[in-house]
Amino acid sequence: MKNNKGVASILIVLIIVGVLALGGGTYYFLVKKAPKPVVCTQEAKICPDGSTVSRIGPDCEFAECSSKEEAIINFGKWDNKSLNDFIENSKKDKNNGDRIKYITQGFIGVPCQGNTLVGAKNIPEKFIINLGGVDCSTLSDYVLALVFANDIKDFSEKLRLIRYELGKIDFANRNHFFSQWVKNNSNYLSDISDNFTGSVCETKELNKKKEGDYWVDGIEPFIQKICYVPRNIILDKSFESKLKNGDIVGFHTSSIGLDVTHEGIISINNNEVYLIHPSSKYNKVIEEKLSEYLKMNPWSDGLIIVRS
């Protein structure tokens, strides 16, 4: 019996030693030999409900959205914190126009980049946010959405409502024309062009070229009333005092089927009127005197002036 008890004791000791050794080995492999944390990029993916998902390790693939539809977003020079701070700092200005100016100035130096939106007649529309490269229309989209957003999540929601009629992400619902964009965002903006002495109003059939084909394939032509302030009035120095910080201006064109061919945002500095806009000449967003821009670009016959 003593021998049996001794054997049993030895077996118990061996089992305990084995368990401790196994635990130690597990600790060694799981803790001591654990790989270094994977650092993924700041690029994020936005989901239809406005939430975002980030890249996660070990392969830095995007986490899954709660629904099938999704879009890629790129905050450019901002990360989540700095973009939230940017939005928060803009609230210090109580006037919408001053806030628009502040946000727009943050884009100075951002590269020009066209065709960043995804969607066409036979291509499904994607909800795209690309603060790393803008054209004149996407700049206006982003600025207005940032001005009225509370944070990043709200920014994506505001952008959806601003870019698309009724907020429906669809190529047919995208605001393809400046006057259409203004009309569909009347809760944020007002077209004040007709308030100025000497303004001209017209009715145009937008999207239909002289030859009968379309500027934007897949979008039916539509009738739009357009008012603008003629070029000669804009160039009069006395008119500049009537413009305010944050006015969004569209450069009117007489081309059949179009309302504007460019747009930008007004900034008043030392009683001088400047235009902040993506410049094809410098290939980035710049700030230059409005009068100089008009002189160098005689193709525009006036301004559509919009105020928040």
C-alpha atoms as a PDB file:
ATOM      1  CA  MET A   1       0.000   0.000   0.000  1.00  0.00           C
ATOM      2  CA  LYS A   2       2.853   2.331   0.830  1.00  0.00           C
ATOM      3  CA  ASN A   3       4.381   1.706  -2.588  1.00  0.00           C
ATOM      4  CA  ASN A   4       1.061   2.415  -4.281  1.00  0.00           C
ATOM      5  CA  LYS A   5       0.717   5.642  -2.351  1.00  0.00           C
ATOM      6  CA  GLY A   6       4.249   6.612  -3.346  1.00  0.00           C
ATOM      7  CA  VAL A   7       3.567   5.945  -6.990  1.00  0.00           C
ATOM      8  CA  ALA A   8       0.365   7.949  -6.807  1.00  0.00           C
ATOM      9  CA  SER A   9       2.195  10.855  -5.205  1.00  0.00           C
ATOM     10  CA  ILE A  10       4.843  10.791  -7.916  1.00  0.00           C
ATOM     11  CA  LEU A  11       2.158  10.758 -10.632  1.00  0.00           C
ATOM     12  CA  ILE A  12       0.402  13.742  -9.045  1.00  0.00           C
ATOM     13  CA  VAL A  13       3.680  15.665  -8.887  1.00  0.00           C
ATOM     14  CA  LEU A  14       4.425  14.849 -12.542  1.00  0.00           C
ATOM     15  CA  ILE A  15       0.946  16.001 -13.610  1.00  0.00           C
ATOM     16  CA  ILE A  16       1.345  19.293 -11.730  1.00  0.00           C
ATOM     17  CA  VAL A  17       4.793  19.861 -13.254  1.00  0.00           C
ATOM     18  CA  GLY A  18       3.385  19.096 -16.707  1.00  0.00           C
ATOM     19  CA  VAL A  19       0.523  21.555 -16.293  1.00  0.00           C
ATOM     20  CA  LEU A  20       2.893  24.268 -15.095  1.00  0.00           C
ATOM     21  CA  ALA A  21       5.247  23.584 -17.991  1.00  0.00           C
ATOM     22  CA  LEU A  22       2.377  23.712 -20.479  1.00  0.00           C
ATOM     23  CA  GLY A  23       1.125  26.958 -18.977  1.00  0.00           C
ATOM     24  CA  GLY A  24       4.588  28.444 -19.110  1.00  0.00           C
ATOM     25  CA  GLY A  25       4.972  27.398 -22.721  1.00  0.00           C
ATOM     26  CA  THR A  26       1.616  28.891 -23.592  1.00  0.00           C
ATOM     27  CA  TYR A  27       2.615  32.123 -21.873  1.00  0.00           C
ATOM     28  CA  TYR A  28       5.928  32.126 -23.720  1.00  0.00           C
ATOM     29  CA  PHE A  29       4.372  31.668 -27.157  1.00  0.00           C
ATOM     30  CA  LEU A  30       1.321  33.870 -26.649  1.00  0.00           C
ATOM     31  CA  VAL A  31       2.938  36.681 -24.675  1.00  0.00           C
ATOM     32  CA  LYS A  32       6.682  36.539 -24.997  1.00  0.00           C
ATOM     33  CA  LYS A  33       6.571  35.673 -28.698  1.00  0.00           C
ATOM     34  CA  ALA A  34       3.514  37.796 -29.581  1.00  0.00           C
ATOM     35  CA  PRO A  35       4.067  39.805 -32.773  1.00  0.00           C
ATOM     36  CA  LYS A  36       4.318  43.573 -32.640  1.00  0.00           C
ATOM     37  CA  PRO A  37       0.988  45.419 -33.093  1.00  0.00           C
ATOM     38  CA  VAL A  38       0.094  46.144 -36.725  1.00  0.00           C
ATOM     39  CA  VAL A  39      -0.283  49.862 -37.502  1.00  0.00           C
ATOM     40  CA  CYS A  40      -2.765  50.445 -40.333  1.00  0.00           C
ATOM     41  CA  THR A  41      -3.344  53.619 -42.347  1.00  0.00           C
ATOM     42  CA  GLN A  42      -5.894  56.301 -41.414  1.00  0.00           C
ATOM     43  CA  GLU A  43      -7.944  55.548 -44.541  1.00  0.00           C
ATOM     44  CA  ALA A  44     -11.474  54.609 -43.607  1.00  0.00           C
ATOM     45  CA  LYS A  45     -14.584  53.229 -45.205  1.00  0.00           C
ATOM     46  CA  ILE A  46     -17.941  54.883 -44.741  1.00  0.00           C
ATOM     47  CA  CYS A  47     -21.128  52.870 -44.479  1.00  0.00           C
ATOM     48  CA  PRO A  48     -24.593  53.938 -45.682  1.00  0.00           C
ATOM     49  CA  ASP A  49     -25.761  54.681 -42.137  1.00  0.00           C
ATOM     50  CA  GLY A  50     -22.997  57.281 -41.765  1.00  0.00           C
ATOM     51  CA  SER A  51     -20.764  55.169 -39.539  1.00  0.00           C
ATOM     52  CA  THR A  52     -17.162  54.449 -40.486  1.00  0.00           C
ATOM     53  CA  VAL A  53     -15.016  51.356 -40.244  1.00  0.00           C
ATOM     54  CA  SER A  54     -11.225  51.309 -40.212  1.00  0.00           C
ATOM     55  CA  ARG A  55      -8.571  48.967 -41.489  1.00  0.00           C
ATOM     56  CA  ILE A  56      -7.748  46.279 -38.909  1.00  0.00           C
ATOM     57  CA  GLY A  57      -4.903  43.807 -38.433  1.00  0.00           C
ATOM     58  CA  PRO A  58      -3.264  41.548 -39.163  1.00  0.00           C
ATOM     59  CA  ASP A  59      -3.684  42.326 -42.877  1.00  0.00           C
ATOM     60  CA  CYS A  60      -5.102  45.873 -42.509  1.00  0.00           C
ATOM     61  CA  GLU A  61      -8.283  44.934 -44.332  1.00  0.00           C
ATOM     62  CA  PHE A  62     -11.446  47.006 -43.847  1.00  0.00           C
ATOM     63  CA  ALA A  63     -13.855  45.808 -41.199  1.00  0.00           C
ATOM     64  CA  GLU A  64     -17.288  44.871 -42.479  1.00  0.00           C
ATOM     65  CA  CYS A  65     -20.117  47.402 -42.709  1.00  0.00           C
ATOM     66  CA  SER A  66     -23.416  46.401 -41.170  1.00  0.00           C
ATOM     67  CA  SER A  67     -24.933  46.633 -44.676  1.00  0.00           C
ATOM     68  CA  LYS A  68     -23.722  45.729 -48.167  1.00  0.00           C
ATOM     69  CA  GLU A  69     -23.376  49.219 -49.655  1.00  0.00           C
ATOM     70  CA  GLU A  70     -20.298  51.209 -48.752  1.00  0.00           C
ATOM     71  CA  ALA A  71     -17.912  53.879 -50.004  1.00  0.00           C
ATOM     72  CA  ILE A  72     -14.277  54.778 -49.581  1.00  0.00           C
ATOM     73  CA  ILE A  73     -13.345  57.998 -47.812  1.00  0.00           C
ATOM     74  CA  ASN A  74     -10.030  59.792 -47.631  1.00  0.00           C
ATOM     75  CA  PHE A  75      -9.558  62.660 -45.185  1.00  0.00           C
ATOM     76  CA  GLY A  76      -6.402  63.833 -46.955  1.00  0.00           C
ATOM     77  CA  LYS A  77      -4.181  65.900 -44.660  1.00  0.00           C
ATOM     78  CA  TRP A  78      -6.583  65.408 -41.748  1.00  0.00           C
ATOM     79  CA  ASP A  79      -7.012  62.433 -39.442  1.00  0.00           C
ATOM     80  CA  ASN A  80     -10.126  61.785 -37.349  1.00  0.00           C
ATOM     81  CA  LYS A  81      -9.031  64.002 -34.459  1.00  0.00           C
ATOM     82  CA  SER A  82      -7.756  66.945 -36.510  1.00  0.00           C
ATOM     83  CA  LEU A  83     -10.868  66.920 -38.706  1.00  0.00           C
ATOM     84  CA  ASN A  84     -13.089  66.920 -35.632  1.00  0.00           C
ATOM     85  CA  ASP A  85     -11.020  69.797 -34.221  1.00  0.00           C
ATOM     86  CA  PHE A  86     -11.348  71.623 -37.553  1.00  0.00           C
ATOM     87  CA  ILE A  87     -15.129  71.292 -37.409  1.00  0.00           C
ATOM     88  CA  GLU A  88     -15.222  72.348 -33.750  1.00  0.00           C
ATOM     89  CA  ASN A  89     -12.987  75.396 -34.285  1.00  0.00           C
ATOM     90  CA  SER A  90     -15.245  76.648 -37.073  1.00  0.00           C
ATOM     91  CA  LYS A  91     -18.080  76.978 -34.544  1.00  0.00           C
ATOM     92  CA  LYS A  92     -16.262  79.902 -32.912  1.00  0.00           C
ATOM     93  CA  ASP A  93     -17.568  82.054 -35.771  1.00  0.00           C
ATOM     94  CA  LYS A  94     -21.269  82.686 -35.260  1.00  0.00           C
ATOM     95  CA  ASN A  95     -21.815  83.959 -38.795  1.00  0.00           C
ATOM     96  CA  ASN A  96     -22.295  81.273 -41.460  1.00  0.00           C
ATOM     97  CA  GLY A  97     -20.322  83.284 -44.000  1.00  0.00           C
ATOM     98  CA  ASP A  98     -17.304  83.599 -41.699  1.00  0.00           C
ATOM     99  CA  ARG A  99     -17.471  79.883 -40.956  1.00  0.00           C
ATOM    100  CA  ILE A 100     -17.554  79.090 -44.678  1.00  0.00           C
ATOM    101  CA  LYS A 101     -14.490  81.284 -45.176  1.00  0.00           C
ATOM    102  CA  TYR A 102     -12.661  79.578 -42.290  1.00  0.00           C
ATOM    103  CA  ILE A 103     -13.379  76.074 -43.582  1.00  0.00           C
ATOM    104  CA  THR A 104     -12.522  77.010 -47.177  1.00  0.00           C
ATOM    105  CA  GLN A 105      -9.173  78.498 -46.153  1.00  0.00           C
ATOM    106  CA  GLY A 106      -8.321  75.101 -44.678  1.00  0.00           C
ATOM    107  CA  PHE A 107      -8.388  73.692 -48.219  1.00  0.00           C
ATOM    108  CA  ILE A 108      -5.846  76.149 -49.630  1.00  0.00           C
ATOM    109  CA  GLY A 109      -3.008  74.075 -51.052  1.00  0.00           C
ATOM    110  CA  VAL A 110      -5.090  70.910 -51.478  1.00  0.00           C
ATOM    111  CA  PRO A 111      -4.436  69.456 -54.966  1.00  0.00           C
ATOM    112  CA  CYS A 112      -6.924  69.803 -57.808  1.00  0.00           C
ATOM    113  CA  GLN A 113      -8.398  66.446 -58.723  1.00  0.00           C
ATOM    114  CA  GLY A 114     -11.287  65.881 -61.086  1.00  0.00           C
ATOM    115  CA  ASN A 115     -13.495  62.843 -61.558  1.00  0.00           C
ATOM    116  CA  THR A 116     -13.241  61.717 -57.932  1.00  0.00           C
ATOM    117  CA  LEU A 117     -16.920  60.783 -57.765  1.00  0.00           C
ATOM    118  CA  VAL A 118     -17.922  57.299 -58.883  1.00  0.00           C
ATOM    119  CA  GLY A 119     -21.100  56.863 -60.893  1.00  0.00           C
ATOM    120  CA  ALA A 120     -22.465  57.258 -64.420  1.00  0.00           C
ATOM    121  CA  LYS A 121     -25.378  56.222 -66.595  1.00  0.00           C
ATOM    122  CA  ASN A 122     -24.396  52.556 -66.441  1.00  0.00           C
ATOM    123  CA  ILE A 123     -22.124  52.651 -63.384  1.00  0.00           C
ATOM    124  CA  PRO A 124     -23.618  52.400 -59.863  1.00  0.00           C
ATOM    125  CA  GLU A 125     -23.132  55.519 -57.764  1.00  0.00           C
ATOM    126  CA  LYS A 126     -20.765  55.324 -54.787  1.00  0.00           C
ATOM    127  CA  PHE A 127     -20.691  57.757 -51.891  1.00  0.00           C
ATOM    128  CA  ILE A 128     -17.197  59.237 -52.050  1.00  0.00           C
ATOM    129  CA  ILE A 129     -15.429  61.581 -49.648  1.00  0.00           C
ATOM    130  CA  ASN A 130     -12.003  62.671 -50.855  1.00  0.00           C
ATOM    131  CA  LEU A 131     -10.567  65.639 -48.977  1.00  0.00           C
ATOM    132  CA  GLY A 132      -7.170  64.916 -50.501  1.00  0.00           C
ATOM    133  CA  GLY A 133      -8.138  66.194 -53.955  1.00  0.00           C
ATOM    134  CA  VAL A 134     -11.011  68.446 -55.056  1.00  0.00           C
ATOM    135  CA  ASP A 135     -12.586  70.141 -58.039  1.00  0.00           C
ATOM    136  CA  CYS A 136     -14.750  73.247 -57.829  1.00  0.00           C
ATOM    137  CA  SER A 137     -18.017  71.418 -57.184  1.00  0.00           C
ATOM    138  CA  THR A 138     -16.722  68.865 -54.670  1.00  0.00           C
ATOM    139  CA  LEU A 139     -14.986  71.693 -52.784  1.00  0.00           C
ATOM    140  CA  SER A 140     -18.344  73.443 -52.352  1.00  0.00           C
ATOM    141  CA  ASP A 141     -19.903  70.148 -51.240  1.00  0.00           C
ATOM    142  CA  TYR A 142     -17.253  69.492 -48.603  1.00  0.00           C
ATOM    143  CA  VAL A 143     -17.131  73.058 -47.299  1.00  0.00           C
ATOM    144  CA  LEU A 144     -20.883  73.337 -46.825  1.00  0.00           C
ATOM    145  CA  ALA A 145     -21.100  69.913 -45.174  1.00  0.00           C
ATOM    146  CA  LEU A 146     -18.226  70.690 -42.789  1.00  0.00           C
ATOM    147  CA  VAL A 147     -19.735  74.050 -41.844  1.00  0.00           C
ATOM    148  CA  PHE A 148     -23.040  72.519 -40.770  1.00  0.00           C
ATOM    149  CA  ALA A 149     -21.659  69.266 -39.329  1.00  0.00           C
ATOM    150  CA  ASN A 150     -21.297  68.561 -35.607  1.00  0.00           C
ATOM    151  CA  ASP A 151     -18.570  65.939 -36.047  1.00  0.00           C
ATOM    152  CA  ILE A 152     -17.142  63.486 -38.588  1.00  0.00           C
ATOM    153  CA  LYS A 153     -20.140  61.160 -38.559  1.00  0.00           C
ATOM    154  CA  ASP A 154     -22.503  64.097 -38.993  1.00  0.00           C
ATOM    155  CA  PHE A 155     -20.252  65.447 -41.766  1.00  0.00           C
ATOM    156  CA  SER A 156     -20.861  62.350 -43.880  1.00  0.00           C
ATOM    157  CA  GLU A 157     -24.596  62.622 -43.282  1.00  0.00           C
ATOM    158  CA  LYS A 158     -24.667  66.329 -44.189  1.00  0.00           C
ATOM    159  CA  LEU A 159     -22.613  65.644 -47.314  1.00  0.00           C
ATOM    160  CA  ARG A 160     -25.057  62.974 -48.440  1.00  0.00           C
ATOM    161  CA  LEU A 161     -27.959  65.398 -48.080  1.00  0.00           C
ATOM    162  CA  ILE A 162     -26.068  68.221 -49.820  1.00  0.00           C
ATOM    163  CA  ARG A 163     -24.678  66.270 -52.773  1.00  0.00           C
ATOM    164  CA  TYR A 164     -27.827  64.310 -53.589  1.00  0.00           C
ATOM    165  CA  GLU A 165     -31.409  65.434 -54.004  1.00  0.00           C
ATOM    166  CA  LEU A 166     -33.413  64.052 -51.067  1.00  0.00           C
ATOM    167  CA  GLY A 167     -30.168  62.469 -49.843  1.00  0.00           C
ATOM    168  CA  LYS A 168     -30.570  59.443 -52.123  1.00  0.00           C
ATOM    169  CA  ILE A 169     -27.178  58.123 -53.243  1.00  0.00           C
ATOM    170  CA  ASP A 170     -27.855  57.677 -56.936  1.00  0.00           C
ATOM    171  CA  PHE A 171     -26.310  59.123 -60.101  1.00  0.00           C
ATOM    172  CA  ALA A 172     -29.688  60.502 -61.193  1.00  0.00           C
ATOM    173  CA  ASN A 173     -30.096  62.258 -57.827  1.00  0.00           C
ATOM    174  CA  ARG A 174     -26.657  63.850 -57.772  1.00  0.00           C
ATOM    175  CA  ASN A 175     -26.711  67.652 -58.160  1.00  0.00           C
ATOM    176  CA  HIS A 176     -24.828  67.897 -61.460  1.00  0.00           C
ATOM    177  CA  PHE A 177     -25.468  71.616 -62.046  1.00  0.00           C
ATOM    178  CA  PHE A 178     -24.664  74.576 -59.801  1.00  0.00           C
ATOM    179  CA  SER A 179     -28.137  76.166 -59.925  1.00  0.00           C
ATOM    180  CA  GLN A 180     -29.665  72.745 -59.244  1.00  0.00           C
ATOM    181  CA  TRP A 181     -27.337  72.297 -56.251  1.00  0.00           C
ATOM    182  CA  VAL A 182     -28.380  75.692 -54.866  1.00  0.00           C
ATOM    183  CA  LYS A 183     -32.086  75.016 -55.347  1.00  0.00           C
ATOM    184  CA  ASN A 184     -31.898  71.610 -53.658  1.00  0.00           C
ATOM    185  CA  ASN A 185     -29.995  73.066 -50.698  1.00  0.00           C
ATOM    186  CA  SER A 186     -32.332  75.957 -49.951  1.00  0.00           C
ATOM    187  CA  ASN A 187     -32.243  75.058 -46.246  1.00  0.00           C
ATOM    188  CA  TYR A 188     -28.551  76.078 -46.245  1.00  0.00           C
ATOM    189  CA  LEU A 189     -28.271  78.591 -49.094  1.00  0.00           C
ATOM    190  CA  SER A 190     -30.105  81.391 -50.880  1.00  0.00           C
ATOM    191  CA  ASP A 191     -29.506  82.656 -54.406  1.00  0.00           C
ATOM    192  CA  ILE A 192     -29.320  86.432 -53.946  1.00  0.00           C
ATOM    193  CA  SER A 193     -28.283  87.315 -57.513  1.00  0.00           C
ATOM    194  CA  ASP A 194     -31.645  88.879 -58.325  1.00  0.00           C
ATOM    195  CA  ASN A 195     -31.290  91.272 -55.358  1.00  0.00           C
ATOM    196  CA  PHE A 196     -28.610  93.324 -57.112  1.00  0.00           C
ATOM    197  CA  THR A 197     -29.390  96.219 -59.416  1.00  0.00           C
ATOM    198  CA  GLY A 198     -28.718  95.303 -63.023  1.00  0.00           C
ATOM    199  CA  SER A 199     -29.050  91.552 -62.535  1.00  0.00           C
ATOM    200  CA  VAL A 200     -30.272  89.456 -65.454  1.00  0.00           C
ATOM    201  CA  CYS A 201     -32.637  86.487 -65.259  1.00  0.00           C
ATOM    202  CA  GLU A 202     -33.204  83.834 -67.899  1.00  0.00           C
ATOM    203  CA  THR A 203     -34.778  80.442 -68.361  1.00  0.00           C
ATOM    204  CA  LYS A 204     -32.459  77.753 -69.699  1.00  0.00           C
ATOM    205  CA  GLU A 205     -32.809  74.125 -70.636  1.00  0.00           C
ATOM    206  CA  LEU A 206     -29.884  72.588 -68.804  1.00  0.00           C
ATOM    207  CA  ASN A 207     -27.908  69.540 -69.944  1.00  0.00           C
ATOM    208  CA  LYS A 208     -28.924  69.745 -73.618  1.00  0.00           C
ATOM    209  CA  LYS A 209     -26.240  70.796 -76.107  1.00  0.00           C
ATOM    210  CA  LYS A 210     -26.852  72.717 -79.304  1.00  0.00           C
ATOM    211  CA  GLU A 211     -26.390  69.511 -81.301  1.00  0.00           C
ATOM    212  CA  GLY A 212     -29.049  67.783 -79.207  1.00  0.00           C
ATOM    213  CA  ASP A 213     -26.894  65.410 -77.180  1.00  0.00           C
ATOM    214  CA  TYR A 214     -26.325  65.757 -73.433  1.00  0.00           C
ATOM    215  CA  TRP A 215     -23.595  67.294 -71.298  1.00  0.00           C
ATOM    216  CA  VAL A 216     -24.218  64.607 -68.673  1.00  0.00           C
ATOM    217  CA  ASP A 217     -25.255  61.345 -70.277  1.00  0.00           C
ATOM    218  CA  GLY A 218     -28.088  59.620 -68.464  1.00  0.00           C
ATOM    219  CA  ILE A 219     -29.640  62.801 -67.028  1.00  0.00           C
ATOM    220  CA  GLU A 220     -32.731  64.189 -68.722  1.00  0.00           C
ATOM    221  CA  PRO A 221     -32.627  67.916 -69.651  1.00  0.00           C
ATOM    222  CA  PHE A 222     -34.640  70.196 -67.378  1.00  0.00           C
ATOM    223  CA  ILE A 223     -35.783  73.815 -67.320  1.00  0.00           C
ATOM    224  CA  GLN A 224     -34.180  76.126 -64.770  1.00  0.00           C
ATOM    225  CA  LYS A 225     -34.549  79.815 -63.989  1.00  0.00           C
ATOM    226  CA  ILE A 226     -31.129  81.409 -63.614  1.00  0.00           C
ATOM    227  CA  CYS A 227     -30.272  84.908 -62.405  1.00  0.00           C
ATOM    228  CA  TYR A 228     -26.792  86.417 -62.506  1.00  0.00           C
ATOM    229  CA  VAL A 229     -24.986  89.725 -62.076  1.00  0.00           C
ATOM    230  CA  PRO A 230     -23.357  90.772 -65.384  1.00  0.00           C
ATOM    231  CA  ARG A 231     -19.601  90.960 -65.712  1.00  0.00           C
ATOM    232  CA  ASN A 232     -19.408  94.735 -66.195  1.00  0.00           C
ATOM    233  CA  ILE A 233     -21.194  95.307 -62.869  1.00  0.00           C
ATOM    234  CA  ILE A 234     -18.964  92.827 -61.040  1.00  0.00           C
ATOM    235  CA  LEU A 235     -15.832  94.550 -62.369  1.00  0.00           C
ATOM    236  CA  ASP A 236     -16.993  97.923 -61.026  1.00  0.00           C
ATOM    237  CA  LYS A 237     -14.919  98.471 -57.875  1.00  0.00           C
ATOM    238  CA  SER A 238     -17.948  99.776 -55.969  1.00  0.00           C
ATOM    239  CA  PHE A 239     -19.685  96.410 -56.340  1.00  0.00           C
ATOM    240  CA  GLU A 240     -17.074  94.556 -54.290  1.00  0.00           C
ATOM    241  CA  SER A 241     -18.378  96.075 -51.054  1.00  0.00           C
ATOM    242  CA  LYS A 242     -21.637  94.172 -51.601  1.00  0.00           C
ATOM    243  CA  LEU A 243     -19.942  90.786 -51.448  1.00  0.00           C
ATOM    244  CA  LYS A 244     -19.407  89.049 -48.101  1.00  0.00           C
ATOM    245  CA  ASN A 245     -17.210  86.364 -46.600  1.00  0.00           C
ATOM    246  CA  GLY A 246     -18.407  82.912 -47.553  1.00  0.00           C
ATOM    247  CA  ASP A 247     -20.474  83.922 -50.573  1.00  0.00           C
ATOM    248  CA  ILE A 248     -20.383  81.025 -53.027  1.00  0.00           C
ATOM    249  CA  VAL A 249     -20.182  82.238 -56.610  1.00  0.00           C
ATOM    250  CA  GLY A 250     -20.799  80.444 -59.881  1.00  0.00           C
ATOM    251  CA  PHE A 251     -19.242  81.854 -63.050  1.00  0.00           C
ATOM    252  CA  HIS A 252     -22.163  82.121 -65.444  1.00  0.00           C
ATOM    253  CA  THR A 253     -21.788  81.010 -69.039  1.00  0.00           C
ATOM    254  CA  SER A 254     -23.854  81.681 -72.142  1.00  0.00           C
ATOM    255  CA  SER A 255     -23.074  78.181 -73.440  1.00  0.00           C
ATOM    256  CA  ILE A 256     -26.212  76.271 -74.373  1.00  0.00           C
ATOM    257  CA  GLY A 257     -27.236  73.738 -71.752  1.00  0.00           C
ATOM    258  CA  LEU A 258     -24.911  74.983 -68.996  1.00  0.00           C
ATOM    259  CA  ASP A 259     -25.382  77.430 -66.113  1.00  0.00           C
ATOM    260  CA  VAL A 260     -21.780  77.838 -64.895  1.00  0.00           C
ATOM    261  CA  THR A 261     -18.365  76.542 -65.864  1.00  0.00           C
ATOM    262  CA  HIS A 262     -16.593  77.203 -62.553  1.00  0.00           C
ATOM    263  CA  GLU A 263     -17.332  78.102 -58.953  1.00  0.00           C
ATOM    264  CA  GLY A 264     -15.489  79.372 -55.906  1.00  0.00           C
ATOM    265  CA  ILE A 265     -15.871  81.016 -52.511  1.00  0.00           C
ATOM    266  CA  ILE A 266     -15.429  84.671 -51.571  1.00  0.00           C
ATOM    267  CA  SER A 267     -12.953  85.801 -48.900  1.00  0.00           C
ATOM    268  CA  ILE A 268     -12.648  89.431 -47.770  1.00  0.00           C
ATOM    269  CA  ASN A 269      -9.170  90.458 -46.596  1.00  0.00           C
ATOM    270  CA  ASN A 270      -8.276  94.088 -45.795  1.00  0.00           C
ATOM    271  CA  ASN A 271     -11.302  95.293 -47.767  1.00  0.00           C
ATOM    272  CA  GLU A 272     -10.106  93.388 -50.838  1.00  0.00           C
ATOM    273  CA  VAL A 273     -12.267  90.670 -52.396  1.00  0.00           C
ATOM    274  CA  TYR A 274     -10.533  87.341 -52.996  1.00  0.00           C
ATOM    275  CA  LEU A 275     -11.656  84.117 -54.618  1.00  0.00           C
ATOM    276  CA  ILE A 276     -10.716  80.742 -53.104  1.00  0.00           C
ATOM    277  CA  HIS A 277     -10.996  78.039 -55.740  1.00  0.00           C
ATOM    278  CA  PRO A 278      -9.234  75.046 -57.334  1.00  0.00           C
ATOM    279  CA  SER A 279      -6.957  76.557 -59.972  1.00  0.00           C
ATOM    280  CA  SER A 280      -6.164  74.511 -63.079  1.00  0.00           C
ATOM    281  CA  LYS A 281      -3.190  76.823 -63.664  1.00  0.00           C
ATOM    282  CA  TYR A 282      -1.569  76.024 -60.301  1.00  0.00           C
ATOM    283  CA  ASN A 283      -3.188  72.598 -59.929  1.00  0.00           C
ATOM    284  CA  LYS A 284      -4.255  73.288 -56.347  1.00  0.00           C
ATOM    285  CA  VAL A 285      -6.696  75.363 -54.308  1.00  0.00           C
ATOM    286  CA  ILE A 286      -5.520  78.969 -54.196  1.00  0.00           C
ATOM    287  CA  GLU A 287      -6.673  82.399 -53.030  1.00  0.00           C
ATOM    288  CA  GLU A 288      -6.442  85.245 -55.540  1.00  0.00           C
ATOM    289  CA  LYS A 289      -8.137  88.592 -56.141  1.00  0.00           C
ATOM    290  CA  LEU A 290     -11.537  88.163 -57.760  1.00  0.00           C
ATOM    291  CA  SER A 291     -10.911  91.081 -60.117  1.00  0.00           C
ATOM    292  CA  GLU A 292      -7.674  89.519 -61.356  1.00  0.00           C
ATOM    293  CA  TYR A 293      -9.344  86.188 -61.948  1.00  0.00           C
ATOM    294  CA  LEU A 294     -12.136  87.820 -63.966  1.00  0.00           C
ATOM    295  CA  LYS A 295      -9.651  89.770 -66.082  1.00  0.00           C
ATOM    296  CA  MET A 296      -7.658  86.630 -66.843  1.00  0.00           C
ATOM    297  CA  ASN A 297     -10.797  84.617 -67.639  1.00  0.00           C
ATOM    298  CA  PRO A 298     -13.033  86.610 -69.995  1.00  0.00           C
ATOM    299  CA  TRP A 299     -15.202  83.584 -70.860  1.00  0.00           C
ATOM    300  CA  SER A 300     -17.562  84.232 -67.925  1.00  0.00           C
ATOM    301  CA  ASP A 301     -20.254  86.868 -68.479  1.00  0.00           C
ATOM    302  CA  GLY A 302     -21.262  87.252 -64.824  1.00  0.00           C
ATOM    303  CA  LEU A 303     -21.707  85.730 -61.378  1.00  0.00           C
ATOM    304  CA  ILE A 304     -24.445  83.741 -59.705  1.00  0.00           C
ATOM    305  CA  ILE A 305     -24.125  84.795 -56.060  1.00  0.00           C
ATOM    306  CA  VAL A 306     -25.240  82.483 -53.264  1.00  0.00           C
ATOM    307  CA  ARG A 307     -25.250  83.262 -49.540  1.00  0.00           C
ATOM    308  CA  SER A 308     -25.767  81.155 -46.412  1.00  0.00           C
END
